[in-house]
Amino acid sequence: MDTARITPATPVITPVPPARPPLLASHPEMSGAHVYLFGLLAGLVTGVDFIAGAMIGIAGSHIRGGVHASPEEYLWAISGYAAAAVIANLIIGRIAHRISYRSYTLASLALFALGAVACAMSGNIDQLVAARIVQGLGGGGLFTAARVIVQLVSQPRERLALFWGFGIGANGLMALAPWVSAELVMRDGWNSVFLLQAAIAAALLPLVYFIYPRRANPPPDRTMGHLDWPAMLAFGFGTLLLLHGLQDLRYLRPGGVAGLLPWMLAGAAVVLFIAVRLHRHPDPWLDVRRLGSRRYLVGLAFYGLFYLINGGWSFLMASFLQEGMGFDFSTTGLLMTLGGGITLAATVVHTWQFPRVFGKRRVIACGFAVLAIAALWLSHMAMPGASVTVLLPAILLQGSTFVLIMVQVASMTYSDFDGADFAHAYQLKNILRELAGALGLGITSLLLQDVKAEARTDLIGRFDHATVAGMLPDPPSPAMLAQWSAEIDRQAALIASDHLFVGIALLAMAAGAVALTQRAMR
């Protein structure tokens, strides 16, 4: 019987799909989830520095009362953090070159938490200022460290994956700060604001230790320069002198120049000393010859202007909503958090549509126009009885300006720099951010106080004996006088807020016009 010849079956070869390339070529051991989590964590670390400035502005009146400080004295707590942050940004390059940006971040978070606890335990303004200096030394360099480490571990095409989490972390923490601050202060007192900051920094410590990439050192061929301690300390001291000069705004009047002149001369002398030392030093920590890009310098100017306005806006809004409109602290915090929520949502949309964003100078000019509209809206509504519904659109509009202005400036400012010079440029940018934010908050605080005092004096002058006698047949009771005094204070706060909102609108319109003329902003 014939038997069929059996041939072996041909094996079926299933093609193996090519391995998916890692999101970070320099760190193939990091999974996709790990990379996105790293970006989010870098944003949260940045947010720690952000909320340190925001919370002390939002809860400023409560903190001032807790340490029994006048507005002029309280400005030292703001300028002290800014001066310490300047020093932190000056030394970060040298320290990170020795121990890595990851180790620097860990040490800074620990120092920030220690300073925040000391702030919470402060019994007077001197103790608060000293604690804020410690906090600034820890928190002032966190933004620079987080942004530079993102730059070091990624290529340009890889950074979008990191920016998703970075924007959500930084802006999300910033958005929650007003509402959380209000709830904590109302329930547990002003100290709880600093205790929360310490808790956030402490919670991030183990996350940074386990999630941050361990190989993220500066390029070995180009360091940040040798640290010049005399110039560094002089820069920090000069910052204190210049910001302290803002405590006395009598230079707006003819007789006030003499009291302010010594501070300004001392600050100018310090700046001159630093310039000479940097010029003679063979390897300075801040070499402006590396940062001569016109695009960068224009971007730096708009950075400073935005943070100047933003530093004053949070303080002005808190005063306007509470003292002028009569909202409680919780409602004020909630409204400001809603504005921060718009910032967060706009950041997500911008990251999603980033390749399609074009015409940056037109977008920046549009952002300043939106800011001017929001400020004029609030100025127009600065009257008793205005509801939350009427004020909310302006608050939400202002929340979108962070993406329209600051993010646009950031996306084009550093395109002319390589990895080493990027770190150098970001150092200088964050020094300017700290100074501009403190400057804006301090000027707004003192201008608001000055205009309110003048408005109150003018309103009280209208209540002479003849006017009161014509209004009431009998002399007013103590309760009625107290009610009138409270209403006068409220009207004065509204008048002062109206003037400052108009000033912000005029400044924003001028900045928008300048942005349209800048060919470097493309």
Protein backbone atom coordinates (compact mmCIF):
# COMPACT_ATOMS: atom_id res chain seq x y z
CA MET A 1 0.00 0.00 0.00
CA ASP A 2 1.33 3.41 -0.95
CA THR A 3 1.94 5.70 1.89
CA ALA A 4 1.66 9.45 1.60
CA ARG A 5 4.86 11.25 1.87
CA ILE A 6 4.78 13.44 4.95
CA THR A 7 6.61 16.75 4.68
CA PRO A 8 7.37 18.77 7.75
CA ALA A 9 5.23 21.85 8.22
CA THR A 10 6.91 25.15 7.48
CA PRO A 11 7.30 27.03 10.76
CA VAL A 12 5.33 30.24 11.00
CA ILE A 13 7.58 33.12 11.97
CA THR A 14 5.73 35.86 13.82
CA PRO A 15 7.41 39.18 13.26
CA VAL A 16 8.55 40.77 16.51
CA PRO A 17 7.50 44.40 16.71
CA PRO A 18 10.41 46.74 17.10
CA ALA A 19 11.09 47.82 20.66
CA ARG A 20 9.49 51.11 21.52
CA PRO A 21 12.22 53.70 21.98
CA PRO A 22 12.48 55.15 25.48
CA LEU A 23 10.99 58.58 26.10
CA LEU A 24 14.40 59.75 27.35
CA ALA A 25 17.30 58.45 25.28
CA SER A 26 19.80 59.31 28.02
CA HIS A 27 17.79 57.28 30.57
CA PRO A 28 16.48 54.14 28.83
CA GLU A 29 15.92 52.51 32.24
CA MET A 30 13.03 54.93 32.91
CA SER A 31 9.64 53.66 31.75
CA GLY A 32 7.07 55.93 30.18
CA ALA A 33 5.14 56.23 33.46
CA HIS A 34 8.39 57.00 35.28
CA VAL A 35 9.21 59.82 32.85
CA TYR A 36 5.78 61.42 33.16
CA LEU A 37 5.95 61.12 36.95
CA PHE A 38 9.38 62.73 36.94
CA GLY A 39 8.01 65.69 34.97
CA LEU A 40 5.12 66.06 37.41
CA LEU A 41 7.46 65.89 40.39
CA ALA A 42 9.78 68.55 38.90
CA GLY A 43 6.72 70.78 38.55
CA LEU A 44 5.70 70.18 42.16
CA VAL A 45 9.22 71.05 43.33
CA THR A 46 8.93 74.30 41.36
CA GLY A 47 5.53 74.93 42.94
CA VAL A 48 7.10 74.85 46.41
CA ASP A 49 8.99 78.05 45.59
CA PHE A 50 5.88 79.56 43.99
CA ILE A 51 3.59 79.04 46.97
CA ALA A 52 6.17 80.43 49.40
CA GLY A 53 5.72 83.84 47.78
CA ALA A 54 2.01 83.53 47.01
CA MET A 55 0.87 82.47 50.46
CA ILE A 56 2.70 85.24 52.30
CA GLY A 57 0.98 87.73 50.01
CA ILE A 58 -2.50 86.21 50.20
CA ALA A 59 -2.46 85.74 53.98
CA GLY A 60 -0.37 88.85 54.56
CA SER A 61 -2.77 90.76 56.81
CA HIS A 62 -3.25 87.73 59.08
CA ILE A 63 0.48 87.01 59.27
CA ARG A 64 1.20 90.70 60.00
CA GLY A 65 -1.28 90.60 62.85
CA GLY A 66 0.22 87.39 64.18
CA VAL A 67 3.71 88.87 64.49
CA HIS A 68 2.49 92.42 65.31
CA ALA A 69 4.19 94.04 62.33
CA SER A 70 3.43 97.19 60.38
CA PRO A 71 3.27 97.04 56.56
CA GLU A 72 6.74 98.61 56.40
CA GLU A 73 8.18 96.00 58.77
CA TYR A 74 6.37 93.18 56.99
CA LEU A 75 8.14 94.09 53.76
CA TRP A 76 11.37 92.80 55.35
CA ALA A 77 9.86 89.29 55.38
CA ILE A 78 9.26 89.61 51.64
CA SER A 79 12.60 91.18 50.74
CA GLY A 80 14.48 88.81 53.07
CA TYR A 81 13.20 85.77 51.17
CA ALA A 82 13.98 87.43 47.84
CA ALA A 83 17.54 88.32 48.87
CA ALA A 84 18.16 84.79 50.15
CA ALA A 85 16.70 83.37 46.92
CA VAL A 86 19.10 85.52 44.92
CA ILE A 87 22.02 84.02 46.84
CA ALA A 88 20.61 80.52 46.29
CA ASN A 89 20.46 81.11 42.55
CA LEU A 90 24.01 82.42 42.53
CA ILE A 91 25.51 79.39 44.25
CA ILE A 92 23.37 76.68 42.66
CA GLY A 93 25.68 76.19 39.69
CA ARG A 94 28.78 75.52 41.76
CA ILE A 95 27.00 73.33 44.31
CA ALA A 96 25.17 71.31 41.65
CA HIS A 97 28.43 70.82 39.77
CA ARG A 98 29.87 69.18 42.87
CA ILE A 99 26.90 67.16 44.19
CA SER A 100 24.40 67.06 41.22
CA TYR A 101 21.08 68.87 40.82
CA ARG A 102 19.25 65.93 42.38
CA SER A 103 21.25 66.18 45.62
CA TYR A 104 20.91 69.95 45.57
CA THR A 105 17.13 69.62 45.32
CA LEU A 106 17.03 67.22 48.27
CA ALA A 107 19.13 69.53 50.46
CA SER A 108 17.11 72.59 49.43
CA LEU A 109 13.76 70.96 50.22
CA ALA A 110 15.03 70.02 53.67
CA LEU A 111 16.29 73.56 54.33
CA PHE A 112 13.02 75.05 53.03
CA ALA A 113 11.00 72.84 55.38
CA LEU A 114 13.21 73.86 58.31
CA GLY A 115 12.73 77.54 57.49
CA ALA A 116 8.96 77.12 57.13
CA VAL A 117 8.72 75.51 60.58
CA ALA A 118 10.76 78.39 62.01
CA CYS A 119 8.33 80.85 60.34
CA ALA A 120 5.38 79.11 62.00
CA MET A 121 7.07 79.39 65.39
CA SER A 122 7.93 83.10 65.01
CA GLY A 123 6.65 85.39 67.75
CA ASN A 124 7.71 88.71 66.24
CA ILE A 125 8.74 90.24 62.93
CA ASP A 126 12.48 89.83 63.57
CA GLN A 127 12.12 86.08 64.04
CA LEU A 128 9.88 85.85 60.96
CA VAL A 129 12.41 87.71 58.79
CA ALA A 130 15.26 85.46 59.96
CA ALA A 131 13.17 82.34 59.30
CA ARG A 132 12.16 83.62 55.86
CA ILE A 133 15.83 84.09 54.97
CA VAL A 134 16.47 80.43 55.83
CA GLN A 135 13.39 79.46 53.82
CA GLY A 136 14.59 81.52 50.86
CA LEU A 137 18.02 79.88 50.89
CA GLY A 138 16.24 76.54 50.56
CA GLY A 139 13.40 77.41 48.21
CA GLY A 140 14.93 80.12 46.04
CA GLY A 141 16.87 77.73 43.79
CA LEU A 142 14.22 75.02 43.42
CA PHE A 143 12.73 76.41 40.20
CA THR A 144 16.15 76.72 38.59
CA ALA A 145 17.19 73.24 39.72
CA ALA A 146 13.97 71.62 38.46
CA ARG A 147 14.06 73.32 35.07
CA VAL A 148 17.76 72.74 34.49
CA ILE A 149 17.58 69.04 35.36
CA VAL A 150 14.76 68.66 32.81
CA GLN A 151 17.01 70.28 30.24
CA LEU A 152 20.00 68.10 31.10
CA VAL A 153 18.28 64.73 30.85
CA SER A 154 16.30 65.33 27.65
CA GLN A 155 16.65 66.29 24.01
CA PRO A 156 14.40 68.99 22.51
CA ARG A 157 12.04 66.44 20.92
CA GLU A 158 11.70 64.61 24.27
CA ARG A 159 10.76 67.58 26.45
CA LEU A 160 7.08 67.74 25.61
CA ALA A 161 6.55 64.52 27.60
CA LEU A 162 8.12 66.21 30.62
CA PHE A 163 6.36 69.54 30.18
CA TRP A 164 2.94 67.92 30.59
CA GLY A 165 3.64 67.03 34.19
CA PHE A 166 5.82 70.07 34.84
CA GLY A 167 3.04 72.52 34.00
CA ILE A 168 0.39 70.56 35.88
CA GLY A 169 2.55 70.22 38.99
CA ALA A 170 3.73 73.82 39.24
CA ASN A 171 0.46 75.53 38.27
CA GLY A 172 -1.73 73.01 40.08
CA LEU A 173 0.05 73.63 43.38
CA MET A 174 -0.07 77.37 42.77
CA ALA A 175 -3.80 77.23 41.97
CA LEU A 176 -4.64 75.50 45.24
CA ALA A 177 -2.55 77.87 47.37
CA PRO A 178 -5.13 80.72 47.84
CA TRP A 179 -8.08 78.53 48.83
CA VAL A 180 -6.02 76.21 51.03
CA SER A 181 -4.36 79.21 52.71
CA ALA A 182 -7.72 80.78 53.46
CA GLU A 183 -9.20 77.61 54.90
CA LEU A 184 -6.15 76.95 57.06
CA VAL A 185 -5.93 80.50 58.40
CA MET A 186 -9.62 80.61 59.26
CA ARG A 187 -9.50 77.25 61.01
CA ASP A 188 -6.02 76.96 62.54
CA GLY A 189 -4.45 80.43 62.41
CA TRP A 190 -1.70 82.02 60.32
CA ASN A 191 0.97 79.60 61.54
CA SER A 192 -0.70 76.75 59.65
CA VAL A 193 0.22 78.37 56.31
CA PHE A 194 3.91 77.80 57.00
CA LEU A 195 3.32 74.38 58.51
CA LEU A 196 1.61 73.35 55.27
CA GLN A 197 4.62 74.56 53.26
CA ALA A 198 6.92 72.51 55.49
CA ALA A 199 4.69 69.44 55.08
CA ILE A 200 4.66 69.72 51.28
CA ALA A 201 8.46 70.04 51.12
CA ALA A 202 8.90 67.10 53.49
CA ALA A 203 6.49 64.94 51.45
CA LEU A 204 8.43 65.66 48.25
CA LEU A 205 11.78 64.63 49.74
CA PRO A 206 11.34 60.84 49.43
CA LEU A 207 9.68 61.23 46.02
CA VAL A 208 12.65 63.17 44.66
CA TYR A 209 15.03 60.60 46.13
CA PHE A 210 13.35 57.65 44.38
CA ILE A 211 11.98 59.21 41.16
CA TYR A 212 14.54 61.80 40.02
CA PRO A 213 17.14 60.36 37.61
CA ARG A 214 20.42 59.77 39.38
CA ARG A 215 22.59 60.82 36.43
CA ALA A 216 21.89 64.47 35.73
CA ASN A 217 25.14 66.33 36.20
CA PRO A 218 26.11 69.57 34.43
CA PRO A 219 28.22 69.19 31.27
CA PRO A 220 31.84 68.67 32.38
CA ASP A 221 33.36 70.95 29.77
CA ARG A 222 31.61 74.15 30.79
CA THR A 223 30.99 74.81 34.45
CA MET A 224 29.07 77.69 36.00
CA GLY A 225 32.20 79.58 36.97
CA HIS A 226 34.12 79.79 40.21
CA LEU A 227 32.05 81.09 43.09
CA ASP A 228 33.12 84.58 44.11
CA TRP A 229 31.95 84.77 47.72
CA PRO A 230 32.51 88.53 48.28
CA ALA A 231 30.51 89.39 45.17
CA MET A 232 27.82 86.86 46.03
CA LEU A 233 27.35 88.18 49.56
CA ALA A 234 27.42 91.75 48.28
CA PHE A 235 24.73 90.93 45.74
CA GLY A 236 22.48 89.54 48.47
CA PHE A 237 23.13 92.50 50.76
CA GLY A 238 22.56 94.93 47.91
CA THR A 239 19.23 93.27 47.20
CA LEU A 240 18.16 93.91 50.77
CA LEU A 241 19.24 97.55 50.56
CA LEU A 242 17.41 98.22 47.31
CA LEU A 243 14.22 96.49 48.40
CA HIS A 244 14.31 98.21 51.77
CA GLY A 245 14.41 101.51 49.92
CA LEU A 246 10.93 100.70 48.66
CA GLN A 247 9.59 100.80 52.20
CA ASP A 248 9.42 104.56 52.01
CA LEU A 249 7.48 105.74 48.98
CA ARG A 250 7.71 109.37 50.00
CA TYR A 251 10.00 109.90 47.00
CA LEU A 252 6.71 110.47 45.17
CA ARG A 253 6.52 113.72 47.17
CA PRO A 254 9.06 116.54 47.08
CA GLY A 255 10.30 116.10 50.67
CA GLY A 256 10.94 112.37 50.59
CA VAL A 257 14.06 112.13 48.43
CA ALA A 258 16.54 112.88 51.22
CA GLY A 259 15.41 109.89 53.31
CA LEU A 260 15.55 107.51 50.37
CA LEU A 261 18.80 108.70 48.80
CA PRO A 262 21.24 106.91 51.18
CA TRP A 263 19.62 103.54 50.49
CA MET A 264 19.74 104.10 46.74
CA LEU A 265 23.37 105.24 46.83
CA ALA A 266 24.35 102.23 48.94
CA GLY A 267 22.59 99.89 46.52
CA ALA A 268 24.26 101.56 43.53
CA ALA A 269 27.67 101.22 45.20
CA VAL A 270 27.09 97.51 45.77
CA VAL A 271 26.08 97.00 42.14
CA LEU A 272 29.21 98.85 40.99
CA PHE A 273 31.37 96.69 43.26
CA ILE A 274 29.86 93.53 41.79
CA ALA A 275 30.33 94.75 38.21
CA VAL A 276 34.03 95.45 38.79
CA ARG A 277 34.62 92.06 40.42
CA LEU A 278 32.83 90.19 37.66
CA HIS A 279 34.77 92.06 34.99
CA ARG A 280 38.14 91.21 36.58
CA HIS A 281 37.37 87.64 37.61
CA PRO A 282 38.88 85.07 35.19
CA ASP A 283 35.95 82.65 35.53
CA PRO A 284 32.93 84.48 37.02
CA TRP A 285 29.74 82.80 38.20
CA LEU A 286 27.77 85.22 36.04
CA ASP A 287 29.39 85.89 32.69
CA VAL A 288 27.15 88.26 30.75
CA ARG A 289 29.14 87.60 27.58
CA ARG A 290 27.41 84.21 27.42
CA LEU A 291 24.02 85.86 27.70
CA GLY A 292 24.27 88.48 24.99
CA SER A 293 21.49 87.08 22.80
CA ARG A 294 19.03 89.82 21.86
CA ARG A 295 16.18 87.32 22.02
CA TYR A 296 17.17 86.39 25.58
CA LEU A 297 17.54 90.00 26.76
CA VAL A 298 14.14 90.96 25.34
CA GLY A 299 12.59 87.88 26.93
CA LEU A 300 14.26 88.73 30.24
CA ALA A 301 12.70 92.19 30.18
CA PHE A 302 9.22 90.76 29.65
CA TYR A 303 9.86 88.15 32.35
CA GLY A 304 10.65 90.91 34.83
CA LEU A 305 7.61 92.96 33.87
CA PHE A 306 5.24 90.01 34.12
CA TYR A 307 6.50 88.94 37.54
CA LEU A 308 6.44 92.55 38.74
CA ILE A 309 2.75 92.79 37.86
CA ASN A 310 1.99 89.28 39.07
CA GLY A 311 3.69 89.91 42.42
CA GLY A 312 1.44 92.87 43.09
CA TRP A 313 -1.74 91.37 41.62
CA SER A 314 -2.15 88.66 44.29
CA PHE A 315 -1.76 91.16 47.12
CA LEU A 316 -4.07 93.69 45.47
CA MET A 317 -6.75 91.09 44.77
CA ALA A 318 -6.74 89.83 48.35
CA SER A 319 -7.11 93.38 49.69
CA PHE A 320 -9.74 94.35 47.11
CA LEU A 321 -11.95 91.31 47.71
CA GLN A 322 -11.71 91.38 51.51
CA GLU A 323 -11.36 95.00 52.56
CA GLY A 324 -13.18 96.57 49.63
CA MET A 325 -15.89 94.13 48.59
CA GLY A 326 -16.38 92.71 52.07
CA PHE A 327 -15.93 89.03 51.13
CA ASP A 328 -14.68 86.71 53.82
CA PHE A 329 -11.25 85.13 53.58
CA SER A 330 -12.63 81.77 52.41
CA THR A 331 -14.55 83.31 49.49
CA THR A 332 -11.50 85.35 48.54
CA GLY A 333 -9.31 82.26 48.51
CA LEU A 334 -11.85 80.32 46.45
CA LEU A 335 -12.11 83.07 43.82
CA MET A 336 -8.33 83.30 43.46
CA THR A 337 -8.11 79.51 43.21
CA LEU A 338 -10.65 79.57 40.38
CA GLY A 339 -8.35 82.00 38.57
CA GLY A 340 -5.46 79.61 39.17
CA GLY A 341 -7.59 76.79 37.78
CA ILE A 342 -7.89 78.69 34.50
CA THR A 343 -4.10 79.01 34.47
CA LEU A 344 -3.79 75.26 34.90
CA ALA A 345 -6.36 74.50 32.19
CA ALA A 346 -4.73 76.96 29.77
CA THR A 347 -1.33 75.34 30.43
CA VAL A 348 -2.71 71.91 29.52
CA VAL A 349 -4.32 73.24 26.32
CA HIS A 350 -1.14 75.08 25.36
CA THR A 351 1.01 71.96 25.85
CA TRP A 352 -1.45 69.94 23.76
CA GLN A 353 -1.46 72.49 20.94
CA PHE A 354 2.15 73.64 21.30
CA PRO A 355 3.24 72.80 17.72
CA ARG A 356 0.44 75.00 16.36
CA VAL A 357 1.26 78.11 18.40
CA PHE A 358 2.74 80.80 16.20
CA GLY A 359 3.16 84.58 16.10
CA LYS A 360 4.46 84.78 19.64
CA ARG A 361 4.72 88.54 19.83
CA ARG A 362 1.08 88.82 18.78
CA VAL A 363 0.11 86.24 21.41
CA ILE A 364 2.09 88.14 24.07
CA ALA A 365 0.49 91.43 23.05
CA CYS A 366 -2.91 89.73 23.24
CA GLY A 367 -2.03 88.52 26.74
CA PHE A 368 -1.24 92.03 27.92
CA ALA A 369 -4.49 93.25 26.33
CA VAL A 370 -6.43 90.59 28.25
CA LEU A 371 -4.66 91.67 31.45
CA ALA A 372 -5.60 95.30 30.81
CA ILE A 373 -9.25 94.34 30.20
CA ALA A 374 -9.35 92.32 33.43
CA ALA A 375 -7.85 95.19 35.44
CA LEU A 376 -10.21 97.79 33.95
CA TRP A 377 -13.16 95.45 34.55
CA LEU A 378 -12.31 95.16 38.24
CA SER A 379 -11.69 98.90 38.45
CA HIS A 380 -15.15 99.57 37.02
CA MET A 381 -16.74 97.10 39.44
CA ALA A 382 -14.98 98.50 42.51
CA MET A 383 -18.22 99.51 44.21
CA PRO A 384 -20.23 98.21 47.17
CA GLY A 385 -22.69 95.45 46.35
CA ALA A 386 -20.88 93.94 43.36
CA SER A 387 -21.50 90.20 43.36
CA VAL A 388 -19.17 87.29 42.79
CA THR A 389 -20.85 86.67 39.42
CA VAL A 390 -19.86 90.13 38.21
CA LEU A 391 -16.24 89.86 39.36
CA LEU A 392 -15.54 86.26 38.32
CA PRO A 393 -15.08 86.86 34.54
CA ALA A 394 -12.26 89.34 35.17
CA ILE A 395 -10.57 86.95 37.61
CA LEU A 396 -10.76 84.14 35.05
CA LEU A 397 -9.42 86.39 32.29
CA GLN A 398 -6.41 87.29 34.41
CA GLY A 399 -5.79 83.59 35.03
CA SER A 400 -5.23 83.02 31.30
CA THR A 401 -2.47 85.64 31.04
CA PHE A 402 0.19 83.32 32.49
CA VAL A 403 0.05 81.16 29.36
CA LEU A 404 -0.53 84.03 26.94
CA ILE A 405 2.46 86.00 28.25
CA MET A 406 4.90 84.10 30.43
CA VAL A 407 4.77 80.70 28.75
CA GLN A 408 5.12 82.31 25.32
CA VAL A 409 8.14 84.29 26.46
CA ALA A 410 9.68 81.14 27.98
CA SER A 411 9.20 79.11 24.79
CA MET A 412 11.36 81.45 22.73
CA THR A 413 13.80 83.01 25.22
CA TYR A 414 16.29 80.13 25.53
CA SER A 415 16.43 78.84 21.96
CA ASP A 416 19.87 80.43 21.39
CA PHE A 417 21.62 78.58 24.25
CA ASP A 418 23.19 75.15 24.58
CA GLY A 419 22.88 72.99 27.70
CA ALA A 420 25.57 74.72 29.77
CA ASP A 421 24.53 78.25 28.92
CA PHE A 422 20.87 77.36 29.43
CA ALA A 423 21.63 76.73 33.12
CA HIS A 424 23.51 80.03 33.26
CA ALA A 425 20.60 81.90 31.63
CA TYR A 426 18.04 80.30 33.91
CA GLN A 427 20.04 81.36 36.95
CA LEU A 428 19.82 85.00 35.92
CA LYS A 429 16.16 84.67 34.96
CA ASN A 430 15.16 83.36 38.37
CA ILE A 431 17.21 86.01 40.16
CA LEU A 432 15.17 88.55 38.22
CA ARG A 433 11.93 86.68 39.01
CA GLU A 434 12.57 86.81 42.75
CA LEU A 435 13.47 90.49 42.67
CA ALA A 436 10.59 91.49 40.41
CA GLY A 437 8.00 89.51 42.39
CA ALA A 438 9.13 90.96 45.71
CA LEU A 439 9.34 94.42 44.14
CA GLY A 440 5.80 94.19 42.79
CA LEU A 441 4.36 92.91 46.05
CA GLY A 442 6.19 95.51 48.11
CA ILE A 443 5.26 98.45 45.89
CA THR A 444 1.63 97.35 45.76
CA SER A 445 1.45 96.95 49.53
CA LEU A 446 2.83 100.40 50.21
CA LEU A 447 0.96 102.19 47.42
CA LEU A 448 -2.28 100.60 48.58
CA GLN A 449 -1.64 101.78 52.13
CA ASP A 450 -0.73 105.29 50.95
CA VAL A 451 -3.74 105.76 48.67
CA LYS A 452 -6.12 104.31 51.27
CA ALA A 453 -4.83 106.75 53.88
CA GLU A 454 -5.35 109.72 51.56
CA ALA A 455 -8.82 108.52 50.55
CA ARG A 456 -9.83 107.95 54.16
CA THR A 457 -8.64 111.42 55.16
CA ASP A 458 -10.64 112.95 52.32
CA LEU A 459 -13.80 110.99 53.23
CA ILE A 460 -13.55 111.85 56.92
CA GLY A 461 -13.16 115.53 56.01
CA ARG A 462 -16.64 115.48 54.51
CA PHE A 463 -18.22 114.56 57.84
CA ASP A 464 -18.01 117.97 59.49
CA HIS A 465 -20.36 119.11 62.24
CA ALA A 466 -22.69 120.89 59.84
CA THR A 467 -23.09 117.81 57.63
CA VAL A 468 -23.74 115.49 60.57
CA ALA A 469 -26.20 117.96 62.14
CA GLY A 470 -28.10 118.14 58.87
CA MET A 471 -28.31 114.35 58.60
CA LEU A 472 -29.34 113.54 62.18
CA PRO A 473 -31.47 115.48 64.69
CA ASP A 474 -29.53 113.97 67.59
CA PRO A 475 -25.78 113.36 67.99
CA PRO A 476 -24.72 110.00 66.51
CA SER A 477 -24.34 107.10 68.91
CA PRO A 478 -20.99 105.27 69.38
CA ALA A 479 -22.38 102.30 67.45
CA MET A 480 -23.32 104.54 64.52
CA LEU A 481 -19.90 106.20 64.55
CA ALA A 482 -18.26 102.75 64.45
CA GLN A 483 -20.48 101.78 61.51
CA TRP A 484 -19.56 104.96 59.66
CA SER A 485 -15.85 104.37 60.33
CA ALA A 486 -16.07 100.84 58.94
CA GLU A 487 -17.84 102.07 55.82
CA ILE A 488 -15.25 104.82 55.33
CA ASP A 489 -12.49 102.21 55.54
CA ARG A 490 -14.31 100.10 52.97
CA GLN A 491 -14.78 103.03 50.58
CA ALA A 492 -11.13 103.98 50.95
CA ALA A 493 -10.07 100.42 50.08
CA LEU A 494 -12.28 100.50 46.97
CA ILE A 495 -10.87 103.86 45.87
CA ALA A 496 -7.29 102.65 46.32
CA SER A 497 -8.00 99.39 44.46
CA ASP A 498 -9.61 101.33 41.63
CA HIS A 499 -6.52 103.50 41.23
CA LEU A 500 -4.11 100.57 41.29
CA PHE A 501 -6.15 98.51 38.81
CA VAL A 502 -6.12 101.44 36.40
CA GLY A 503 -2.35 101.71 36.85
CA ILE A 504 -1.90 98.01 36.04
CA ALA A 505 -4.10 98.38 32.96
CA LEU A 506 -2.03 101.30 31.64
CA LEU A 507 1.21 99.39 32.28
CA ALA A 508 -0.15 96.31 30.49
CA MET A 509 -1.28 98.29 27.46
CA ALA A 510 2.14 99.91 27.14
CA ALA A 511 3.84 96.51 27.44
CA GLY A 512 1.56 95.04 24.76
CA ALA A 513 2.41 97.85 22.37
CA VAL A 514 6.13 97.28 22.96
CA ALA A 515 5.73 93.52 22.40
CA LEU A 516 4.33 94.10 18.92
CA THR A 517 7.46 96.03 17.92
CA GLN A 518 9.95 93.36 19.03
CA ARG A 519 11.22 91.43 16.01
CA ALA A 520 13.26 89.17 18.31
CA MET A 521 10.02 87.73 19.69
CA ARG A 522 9.16 85.33 16.88
